[in-house]
Each structure stands twice: as C-alpha cells, then as structure tokens.
PDB file of N, CA and C in Angstrom:
ATOM      1  N   UNK A   1     101.292 115.906 118.669  1.00  0.00           N
ATOM      2  CA  UNK A   1     101.930 115.247 118.358  1.00  0.00           C
ATOM      3  C   UNK A   1     102.406 114.233 117.719  1.00  0.00           C
ATOM      4  N   UNK A   2     101.383 114.066 117.259  1.00  0.00           N
ATOM      5  CA  UNK A   2     100.199 111.971 117.004  1.00  0.00           C
ATOM      6  C   UNK A   2     100.991 112.875 114.864  1.00  0.00           C
ATOM      7  N   UNK A   3      99.858 114.419 115.091  1.00  0.00           N
ATOM      8  CA  UNK A   3     100.444 114.166 113.687  1.00  0.00           C
ATOM      9  C   UNK A   3     101.801 114.488 113.217  1.00  0.00           C
ATOM     10  N   UNK A   4     102.412 115.137 114.549  1.00  0.00           N
ATOM     11  CA  UNK A   4     104.130 115.075 113.629  1.00  0.00           C
ATOM     12  C   UNK A   4     103.924 113.371 113.562  1.00  0.00           C
ATOM     13  N   UNK A   5     104.196 112.650 113.955  1.00  0.00           N
ATOM     14  CA  UNK A   5     104.695 110.990 114.246  1.00  0.00           C
ATOM     15  C   UNK A   5     104.470 110.854 112.465  1.00  0.00           C
ATOM     16  N   UNK A   6     102.913 110.789 112.634  1.00  0.00           N
ATOM     17  CA  UNK A   6     102.098 109.833 111.404  1.00  0.00           C
ATOM     18  C   UNK A   6     102.456 110.474 110.489  1.00  0.00           C
ATOM     19  N   UNK A   7     102.874 112.241 110.391  1.00  0.00           N
ATOM     20  CA  UNK A   7     103.197 112.622 108.778  1.00  0.00           C
ATOM     21  C   UNK A   7     104.612 112.298 108.885  1.00  0.00           C
ATOM     22  N   UNK A   8     105.532 112.593 109.381  1.00  0.00           N
ATOM     23  CA  UNK A   8     107.382 111.530 109.187  1.00  0.00           C
ATOM     24  C   UNK A   8     106.616 110.249 108.579  1.00  0.00           C
ATOM     25  N   UNK A   9     105.976 109.245 109.226  1.00  0.00           N
ATOM     26  CA  UNK A   9     105.728 107.773 108.892  1.00  0.00           C
ATOM     27  C   UNK A   9     104.894 107.793 107.839  1.00  0.00           C
ATOM     28  N   UNK A  10     104.910 108.724 107.278  1.00  0.00           N
ATOM     29  CA  UNK A  10     104.205 108.179 106.069  1.00  0.00           C
ATOM     30  C   UNK A  10     104.778 109.115 104.574  1.00  0.00           C
ATOM     31  N   UNK A  11     105.552 110.201 105.054  1.00  0.00           N
ATOM     32  CA  UNK A  11     106.370 111.329 104.615  1.00  0.00           C
ATOM     33  C   UNK A  11     108.099 110.278 104.076  1.00  0.00           C
ATOM     34  N   UNK A  12     108.135 109.521 104.885  1.00  0.00           N
ATOM     35  CA  UNK A  12     109.073 108.478 104.715  1.00  0.00           C
ATOM     36  C   UNK A  12     108.736 107.238 104.172  1.00  0.00           C
ATOM     37  N   UNK A  13     108.011 106.466 103.772  1.00  0.00           N
ATOM     38  CA  UNK A  13     107.150 105.920 103.189  1.00  0.00           C
ATOM     39  C   UNK A  13     107.475 106.109 102.104  1.00  0.00           C
ATOM     40  N   UNK A  14     106.761 106.753 101.580  1.00  0.00           N
ATOM     41  CA  UNK A  14     107.579 108.096 100.427  1.00  0.00           C
ATOM     42  C   UNK A  14     107.864 107.856  99.796  1.00  0.00           C
ATOM     43  N   UNK A  15     109.315 108.021 100.660  1.00  0.00           N
ATOM     44  CA  UNK A  15     110.201 108.572  99.570  1.00  0.00           C
ATOM     45  C   UNK A  15     110.829 107.323 100.329  1.00  0.00           C
ATOM     46  N   UNK A  16     110.906 106.356 100.721  1.00  0.00           N
ATOM     47  CA  UNK A  16     111.508 104.701 100.068  1.00  0.00           C
ATOM     48  C   UNK A  16     110.955 104.241  99.171  1.00  0.00           C
ATOM     49  N   UNK A  17     110.225 104.456  99.337  1.00  0.00           N
ATOM     50  CA  UNK A  17     109.413 103.785  97.850  1.00  0.00           C
ATOM     51  C   UNK A  17     110.422 104.706  96.620  1.00  0.00           C
ATOM     52  N   UNK A  18     110.279 105.944  96.379  1.00  0.00           N
ATOM     53  CA  UNK A  18     110.599 106.550  95.438  1.00  0.00           C
ATOM     54  C   UNK A  18     112.281 106.493  95.628  1.00  0.00           C
ATOM     55  N   UNK A  19     112.849 106.136  96.461  1.00  0.00           N
ATOM     56  CA  UNK A  19     113.984 105.452  96.030  1.00  0.00           C
ATOM     57  C   UNK A  19     114.399 104.537  95.642  1.00  0.00           C
ATOM     58  N   UNK A  20     113.198 103.895  95.599  1.00  0.00           N
ATOM     59  CA  UNK A  20     113.454 102.605  95.325  1.00  0.00           C
ATOM     60  C   UNK A  20     113.297 101.971  93.719  1.00  0.00           C
ATOM     61  N   UNK A  21     112.083 103.002  93.463  1.00  0.00           N
ATOM     62  CA  UNK A  21     111.539 103.469  92.327  1.00  0.00           C
ATOM     63  C   UNK A  21     112.487 103.581  91.190  1.00  0.00           C
ATOM     64  N   UNK A  22     113.326 104.635  91.493  1.00  0.00           N
ATOM     65  CA  UNK A  22     114.322 104.808  90.636  1.00  0.00           C
ATOM     66  C   UNK A  22     115.603 103.973  91.178  1.00  0.00           C
ATOM     67  N   UNK A  23     115.518 103.297  91.499  1.00  0.00           N
ATOM     68  CA  UNK A  23     117.260 101.650  91.461  1.00  0.00           C
ATOM     69  C   UNK A  23     117.982 102.555  92.318  1.00  0.00           C
ATOM     70  N   UNK A  24     117.619 102.906  93.328  1.00  0.00           N
ATOM     71  CA  UNK A  24     118.950 103.704  94.281  1.00  0.00           C
ATOM     72  C   UNK A  24     118.488 102.319  95.427  1.00  0.00           C
ATOM     73  N   UNK A  25     119.789 101.456  94.701  1.00  0.00           N
ATOM     74  CA  UNK A  25     119.658  99.767  95.824  1.00  0.00           C
ATOM     75  C   UNK A  25     120.974 100.250  97.433  1.00  0.00           C
ATOM     76  N   UNK A  26     121.534 101.236  96.380  1.00  0.00           N
ATOM     77  CA  UNK A  26     123.050 101.806  97.702  1.00  0.00           C
ATOM     78  C   UNK A  26     121.907 102.933  98.776  1.00  0.00           C
ATOM     79  N   UNK A  27     121.834 102.095  99.606  1.00  0.00           N
ATOM     80  CA  UNK A  27     120.630 103.617 100.183  1.00  0.00           C
ATOM     81  C   UNK A  27     121.741 104.678 100.926  1.00  0.00           C
ATOM     82  N   UNK A  28     123.171 104.021 100.849  1.00  0.00           N
ATOM     83  CA  UNK A  28     123.821 104.775 101.490  1.00  0.00           C
ATOM     84  C   UNK A  28     124.148 105.753 101.238  1.00  0.00           C
ATOM     85  N   UNK A  29     123.973 106.089  99.664  1.00  0.00           N
ATOM     86  CA  UNK A  29     124.200 106.728  98.666  1.00  0.00           C
ATOM     87  C   UNK A  29     123.098 108.488  98.293  1.00  0.00           C
ATOM     88  N   UNK A  30     121.726 107.676  98.731  1.00  0.00           N
ATOM     89  CA  UNK A  30     120.738 108.788  99.478  1.00  0.00           C
ATOM     90  C   UNK A  30     121.463 109.803  99.961  1.00  0.00           C
ATOM     91  N   UNK A  31     120.830 110.922  99.609  1.00  0.00           N
ATOM     92  CA  UNK A  31     121.311 112.197 101.199  1.00  0.00           C
ATOM     93  C   UNK A  31     120.279 112.211 102.290  1.00  0.00           C
ATOM     94  N   UNK A  32     119.260 111.293 102.785  1.00  0.00           N
ATOM     95  CA  UNK A  32     117.890 111.312 103.209  1.00  0.00           C
ATOM     96  C   UNK A  32     118.164 109.737 103.899  1.00  0.00           C
ATOM     97  N   UNK A  33     118.968 109.036 103.328  1.00  0.00           N
ATOM     98  CA  UNK A  33     118.907 107.726 103.773  1.00  0.00           C
ATOM     99  C   UNK A  33     118.938 107.485 105.451  1.00  0.00           C
ATOM    100  N   UNK A  34     119.619 108.308 106.043  1.00  0.00           N
ATOM    101  CA  UNK A  34     119.312 107.864 107.587  1.00  0.00           C
ATOM    102  C   UNK A  34     118.295 108.391 108.034  1.00  0.00           C
ATOM    103  N   UNK A  35     117.391 109.758 107.644  1.00  0.00           N
ATOM    104  CA  UNK A  35     116.082 110.077 108.223  1.00  0.00           C
ATOM    105  C   UNK A  35     115.377 109.199 107.649  1.00  0.00           C
ATOM    106  N   UNK A  36     115.987 108.214 106.432  1.00  0.00           N
ATOM    107  CA  UNK A  36     114.391 107.818 105.796  1.00  0.00           C
ATOM    108  C   UNK A  36     114.411 106.261 106.701  1.00  0.00           C
ATOM    109  N   UNK A  37     115.568 105.884 106.396  1.00  0.00           N
ATOM    110  CA  UNK A  37     115.456 104.272 107.607  1.00  0.00           C
ATOM    111  C   UNK A  37     114.636 104.643 108.937  1.00  0.00           C
ATOM    112  N   UNK A  38     115.076 105.723 109.089  1.00  0.00           N
ATOM    113  CA  UNK A  38     115.071 105.774 110.764  1.00  0.00           C
ATOM    114  C   UNK A  38     112.982 106.001 111.037  1.00  0.00           C
ATOM    115  N   UNK A  39     112.553 106.503 110.411  1.00  0.00           N
ATOM    116  CA  UNK A  39     111.171 107.126 109.685  1.00  0.00           C
ATOM    117  C   UNK A  39     110.461 105.707 109.196  1.00  0.00           C
ATOM    118  N   UNK A  40     111.459 105.091 108.998  1.00  0.00           N
ATOM    119  CA  UNK A  40     110.669 103.867 108.351  1.00  0.00           C
ATOM    120  C   UNK A  40     110.755 102.116 108.590  1.00  0.00           C
ATOM    121  N   UNK A  41     111.564 102.578 109.802  1.00  0.00           N
ATOM    122  CA  UNK A  41     111.669 101.358 110.414  1.00  0.00           C
ATOM    123  C   UNK A  41     110.739 100.815 110.848  1.00  0.00           C
ATOM    124  N   UNK A  42     111.101  99.512 111.416  1.00  0.00           N
ATOM    125  CA  UNK A  42     109.611  98.992 112.839  1.00  0.00           C
ATOM    126  C   UNK A  42     109.065  98.818 113.869  1.00  0.00           C
ATOM    127  N   UNK A  43     110.221  99.491 114.299  1.00  0.00           N
ATOM    128  CA  UNK A  43     110.429 100.337 115.805  1.00  0.00           C
ATOM    129  C   UNK A  43     109.421 101.086 115.661  1.00  0.00           C
ATOM    130  N   UNK A  44     109.631 101.992 114.748  1.00  0.00           N
ATOM    131  CA  UNK A  44     109.057 103.693 114.393  1.00  0.00           C
ATOM    132  C   UNK A  44     108.018 103.579 114.114  1.00  0.00           C
ATOM    133  N   UNK A  45     107.123 102.351 113.500  1.00  0.00           N
ATOM    134  CA  UNK A  45     106.180 102.001 113.070  1.00  0.00           C
ATOM    135  C   UNK A  45     104.933 101.624 114.484  1.00  0.00           C
ATOM    136  N   UNK A  46     105.671 101.055 114.992  1.00  0.00           N
ATOM    137  CA  UNK A  46     105.027 100.028 115.910  1.00  0.00           C
ATOM    138  C   UNK A  46     104.546 101.240 116.824  1.00  0.00           C
ATOM    139  N   UNK A  47     105.398 102.584 117.404  1.00  0.00           N
ATOM    140  CA  UNK A  47     104.851 103.354 117.771  1.00  0.00           C
ATOM    141  C   UNK A  47     104.529 103.947 117.401  1.00  0.00           C
ATOM    142  N   UNK A  48     104.166 104.591 116.459  1.00  0.00           N
ATOM    143  CA  UNK A  48     103.308 105.387 115.915  1.00  0.00           C
ATOM    144  C   UNK A  48     101.975 104.782 115.555  1.00  0.00           C
ATOM    145  N   UNK A  49     101.491 103.411 115.564  1.00  0.00           N
ATOM    146  CA  UNK A  49     100.678 102.683 114.775  1.00  0.00           C
ATOM    147  C   UNK A  49     100.131 102.859 117.202  1.00  0.00           C
ATOM    148  N   UNK A  50     101.188 102.600 118.453  1.00  0.00           N
ATOM    149  CA  UNK A  50     100.459 102.702 119.472  1.00  0.00           C
ATOM    150  C   UNK A  50      99.536 104.332 119.518  1.00  0.00           C
ATOM    151  N   UNK A  51     100.308 105.043 119.527  1.00  0.00           N
ATOM    152  CA  UNK A  51      99.886 106.209 119.180  1.00  0.00           C
ATOM    153  C   UNK A  51      98.882 106.365 119.033  1.00  0.00           C
ATOM    154  N   UNK A  52      97.988 105.820 117.908  1.00  0.00           N
ATOM    155  CA  UNK A  52      97.175 105.937 116.827  1.00  0.00           C
ATOM    156  C   UNK A  52      95.923 105.339 117.509  1.00  0.00           C
ATOM    157  N   UNK A  53      96.594 104.211 118.457  1.00  0.00           N
ATOM    158  CA  UNK A  53      95.497 103.449 118.862  1.00  0.00           C
ATOM    159  C   UNK A  53      95.525 104.412 120.300  1.00  0.00           C
ATOM    160  N   UNK A  54      96.831 104.473 120.847  1.00  0.00           N
ATOM    161  CA  UNK A  54      95.784 105.285 121.865  1.00  0.00           C
ATOM    162  C   UNK A  54      95.202 106.665 121.846  1.00  0.00           C
ATOM    163  N   UNK A  55      94.921 107.375 120.604  1.00  0.00           N
ATOM    164  CA  UNK A  55      94.107 108.181 120.690  1.00  0.00           C
ATOM    165  C   UNK A  55      93.430 108.271 120.416  1.00  0.00           C
ATOM    166  N   UNK A  56      92.712 106.856 119.601  1.00  0.00           N
ATOM    167  CA  UNK A  56      91.760 106.410 118.946  1.00  0.00           C
ATOM    168  C   UNK A  56      90.848 105.934 120.626  1.00  0.00           C
ATOM    169  N   UNK A  57      91.328 104.902 122.032  1.00  0.00           N
ATOM    170  CA  UNK A  57      91.038 104.300 122.404  1.00  0.00           C
ATOM    171  C   UNK A  57      90.097 105.454 123.554  1.00  0.00           C
ATOM    172  N   UNK A  58      91.289 106.651 124.046  1.00  0.00           N
ATOM    173  CA  UNK A  58      90.759 107.965 124.536  1.00  0.00           C
ATOM    174  C   UNK A  58      90.074 109.215 123.685  1.00  0.00           C
ATOM    175  N   UNK A  59      89.497 109.086 122.235  1.00  0.00           N
ATOM    176  CA  UNK A  59      89.075 109.424 121.879  1.00  0.00           C
ATOM    177  C   UNK A  59      87.396 108.182 122.081  1.00  0.00           C
ATOM    178  N   UNK A  60      87.421 107.131 122.344  1.00  0.00           N
ATOM    179  CA  UNK A  60      86.528 106.812 122.049  1.00  0.00           C
ATOM    180  C   UNK A  60      85.177 106.986 124.081  1.00  0.00           C
ATOM    181  N   UNK A  61      86.520 106.980 125.252  1.00  0.00           N
ATOM    182  CA  UNK A  61      86.797 107.110 126.155  1.00  0.00           C
ATOM    183  C   UNK A  61      85.922 108.617 126.744  1.00  0.00           C
ATOM    184  N   UNK A  62      86.202 109.346 125.199  1.00  0.00           N
ATOM    185  CA  UNK A  62      85.749 110.830 126.087  1.00  0.00           C
ATOM    186  C   UNK A  62      83.888 110.707 125.353  1.00  0.00           C
ATOM    187  N   UNK A  63      83.782 112.339 126.378  1.00  0.00           N
ATOM    188  CA  UNK A  63      82.612 112.210 125.606  1.00  0.00           C
ATOM    189  C   UNK A  63      82.697 113.180 124.842  1.00  0.00           C
ATOM    190  N   UNK A  64      81.677 113.737 124.415  1.00  0.00           N
ATOM    191  CA  UNK A  64      81.629 114.181 122.490  1.00  0.00           C
ATOM    192  C   UNK A  64      82.377 115.639 122.862  1.00  0.00           C
ATOM    193  N   UNK A  65      81.934 116.980 123.828  1.00  0.00           N
ATOM    194  CA  UNK A  65      82.886 118.027 123.736  1.00  0.00           C
ATOM    195  C   UNK A  65      84.110 117.450 124.185  1.00  0.00           C
ATOM    196  N   UNK A  66      85.254 117.078 124.552  1.00  0.00           N
ATOM    197  CA  UNK A  66      86.260 116.259 124.844  1.00  0.00           C
ATOM    198  C   UNK A  66      87.102 116.008 123.465  1.00  0.00           C
ATOM    199  N   UNK A  67      86.030 114.610 122.495  1.00  0.00           N
ATOM    200  CA  UNK A  67      86.848 114.754 121.827  1.00  0.00           C
ATOM    201  C   UNK A  67      86.525 116.200 120.276  1.00  0.00           C
ATOM    202  N   UNK A  68      85.697 116.535 121.120  1.00  0.00           N
ATOM    203  CA  UNK A  68      86.015 117.396 119.601  1.00  0.00           C
ATOM    204  C   UNK A  68      87.791 118.187 120.432  1.00  0.00           C
ATOM    205  N   UNK A  69      87.543 119.106 121.176  1.00  0.00           N
ATOM    206  CA  UNK A  69      88.727 119.702 121.441  1.00  0.00           C
ATOM    207  C   UNK A  69      89.574 118.641 120.956  1.00  0.00           C
ATOM    208  N   UNK A  70      90.115 117.325 120.767  1.00  0.00           N
ATOM    209  CA  UNK A  70      91.125 116.274 120.740  1.00  0.00           C
ATOM    210  C   UNK A  70      90.745 116.686 119.293  1.00  0.00           C
ATOM    211  N   UNK A  71      89.810 116.061 118.209  1.00  0.00           N
ATOM    212  CA  UNK A  71      89.888 116.616 116.812  1.00  0.00           C
ATOM    213  C   UNK A  71      90.675 118.343 116.142  1.00  0.00           C
ATOM    214  N   UNK A  72      90.560 119.789 117.452  1.00  0.00           N
ATOM    215  CA  UNK A  72      91.018 120.666 117.551  1.00  0.00           C
ATOM    216  C   UNK A  72      92.276 120.320 117.283  1.00  0.00           C
ATOM    217  N   UNK A  73      92.752 120.714 118.240  1.00  0.00           N
ATOM    218  CA  UNK A  73      94.514 119.963 118.300  1.00  0.00           C
ATOM    219  C   UNK A  73      95.079 119.083 117.818  1.00  0.00           C
ATOM    220  N   UNK A  74      93.841 118.165 116.997  1.00  0.00           N
ATOM    221  CA  UNK A  74      94.807 117.375 115.976  1.00  0.00           C
ATOM    222  C   UNK A  74      95.115 117.945 114.740  1.00  0.00           C
ATOM    223  N   UNK A  75      94.202 118.794 114.056  1.00  0.00           N
ATOM    224  CA  UNK A  75      93.812 119.478 112.760  1.00  0.00           C
ATOM    225  C   UNK A  75      95.029 120.143 113.047  1.00  0.00           C
ATOM    226  N   UNK A  76      94.506 121.588 114.646  1.00  0.00           N
ATOM    227  CA  UNK A  76      96.394 122.300 114.448  1.00  0.00           C
ATOM    228  C   UNK A  76      97.684 121.836 114.105  1.00  0.00           C
ATOM    229  N   UNK A  77      97.498 120.718 114.939  1.00  0.00           N
ATOM    230  CA  UNK A  77      98.890 119.933 114.854  1.00  0.00           C
ATOM    231  C   UNK A  77      99.353 119.940 113.787  1.00  0.00           C
ATOM    232  N   UNK A  78      98.092 119.009 113.229  1.00  0.00           N
ATOM    233  CA  UNK A  78      98.528 119.393 111.434  1.00  0.00           C
ATOM    234  C   UNK A  78      98.667 119.850 110.789  1.00  0.00           C
ATOM    235  N   UNK A  79      97.736 120.936 111.172  1.00  0.00           N
ATOM    236  CA  UNK A  79      98.689 122.906 109.764  1.00  0.00           C
ATOM    237  C   UNK A  79      99.654 123.115 110.554  1.00  0.00           C
ATOM    238  N   UNK A  80     100.290 123.690 111.540  1.00  0.00           N
ATOM    239  CA  UNK A  80     101.605 123.551 112.221  1.00  0.00           C
ATOM    240  C   UNK A  80     102.493 122.206 111.549  1.00  0.00           C
ATOM    241  N   UNK A  81     102.313 121.521 111.418  1.00  0.00           N
ATOM    242  CA  UNK A  81     103.509 120.164 110.280  1.00  0.00           C
ATOM    243  C   UNK A  81     103.330 120.407 109.042  1.00  0.00           C
ATOM    244  N   UNK A  82     102.016 120.576 108.268  1.00  0.00           N
ATOM    245  CA  UNK A  82     101.682 121.545 106.660  1.00  0.00           C
ATOM    246  C   UNK A  82     102.590 122.761 106.571  1.00  0.00           C
ATOM    247  N   UNK A  83     102.934 123.415 107.477  1.00  0.00           N
ATOM    248  CA  UNK A  83     103.576 125.009 107.028  1.00  0.00           C
ATOM    249  C   UNK A  83     105.065 124.595 106.830  1.00  0.00           C
ATOM    250  N   UNK A  84     105.343 123.307 108.333  1.00  0.00           N
ATOM    251  CA  UNK A  84     107.364 123.503 108.326  1.00  0.00           C
ATOM    252  C   UNK A  84     107.223 123.010 107.205  1.00  0.00           C
ATOM    253  N   UNK A  85     106.541 122.015 106.622  1.00  0.00           N
ATOM    254  CA  UNK A  85     106.788 121.434 105.268  1.00  0.00           C
ATOM    255  C   UNK A  85     106.962 122.478 104.382  1.00  0.00           C
ATOM    256  N   UNK A  86     105.790 122.953 104.046  1.00  0.00           N
ATOM    257  CA  UNK A  86     105.519 124.868 102.998  1.00  0.00           C
ATOM    258  C   UNK A  86     107.027 124.827 103.838  1.00  0.00           C
ATOM    259  N   UNK A  87     106.706 125.585 104.052  1.00  0.00           N
ATOM    260  CA  UNK A  87     109.033 126.290 104.725  1.00  0.00           C
ATOM    261  C   UNK A  87     109.833 125.796 104.519  1.00  0.00           C
ATOM    262  N   UNK A  88     109.187 125.281 104.216  1.00  0.00           N
ATOM    263  CA  UNK A  88     111.339 123.940 103.927  1.00  0.00           C
ATOM    264  C   UNK A  88     110.846 124.112 102.403  1.00  0.00           C
ATOM    265  N   UNK A  89     109.543 123.549 101.984  1.00  0.00           N
ATOM    266  CA  UNK A  89     109.694 123.006 100.255  1.00  0.00           C
ATOM    267  C   UNK A  89     110.211 124.298  99.504  1.00  0.00           C
ATOM    268  N   UNK A  90     109.370 125.497 100.571  1.00  0.00           N
ATOM    269  CA  UNK A  90     109.787 127.192  99.632  1.00  0.00           C
ATOM    270  C   UNK A  90     111.126 128.500  99.763  1.00  0.00           C
ATOM    271  N   UNK A  91     111.653 126.802 101.196  1.00  0.00           N
ATOM    272  CA  UNK A  91     113.015 127.291 100.999  1.00  0.00           C
ATOM    273  C   UNK A  91     112.966 128.931 102.464  1.00  0.00           C
ATOM    274  N   UNK A  92     111.401 129.105 103.276  1.00  0.00           N
ATOM    275  CA  UNK A  92     111.237 130.102 103.688  1.00  0.00           C
ATOM    276  C   UNK A  92     112.641 130.310 105.132  1.00  0.00           C
ATOM    277  N   UNK A  93     111.920 131.548 105.189  1.00  0.00           N
ATOM    278  CA  UNK A  93     113.639 132.156 106.387  1.00  0.00           C
ATOM    279  C   UNK A  93     112.133 132.562 107.675  1.00  0.00           C
ATOM    280  N   UNK A  94     112.915 132.223 108.454  1.00  0.00           N
ATOM    281  CA  UNK A  94     112.074 132.960 109.628  1.00  0.00           C
ATOM    282  C   UNK A  94     112.132 133.591 110.550  1.00  0.00           C
ATOM    283  N   UNK A  95     112.161 134.766 111.188  1.00  0.00           N
ATOM    284  CA  UNK A  95     112.651 136.086 111.563  1.00  0.00           C
ATOM    285  C   UNK A  95     112.684 135.586 113.015  1.00  0.00           C
ATOM    286  N   UNK A  96     112.951 134.987 113.668  1.00  0.00           N
ATOM    287  CA  UNK A  96     114.215 134.788 114.886  1.00  0.00           C
ATOM    288  C   UNK A  96     115.059 134.964 115.674  1.00  0.00           C
TER     289      UNK A  96
END
C-alpha cells in the first residue's frame, strides 16, 4: 500500500502546483479540488511520512533476505499503481 499513499501525495502536490500556476485560486471551481485538497492536507502528509518512516525502520531491522522481499513487494505495488493511472489516462476498459 505504501506506493499508493506516497504516489497519491506526489500526484496531488503536482496537481496543486499546476492549479496554482494556472491562476486558479477559486479551488471550488476545479473539478478535482476535493481530491487535491484531501491528498495535499497536512494530516495526509503526516500519515504518509509516518508510513515511510515505519517502512525504513522495518527495513533497517530486517535481514537482507527480508529487505529483498520488501523491495520486491514495493516494486510490484508501484507497478500496479502505474497500471491503474495508465489505464485511467488511456480510458481503458476493464473486462470485469
């Protein structure tokens, strides 16, 4: 789940910067304003930072084999997040 939380924060920060560059100060008019505001909030940032710190702490305490597994799980999670965003960007249809 860590890639999801971390990526959402980074995407929201980028979207907020783009919104501000465009001069959109009336956040209510932006179609994603609630999403951006939620994932740019201090509370969310603190939660992500806590998760990152916990992952770092657990990795430091783990043996090499466990760290390799942790890295693999993180990489797979990031790949799945990328696939999700790519699917949305391409307006993909899921056969469910």
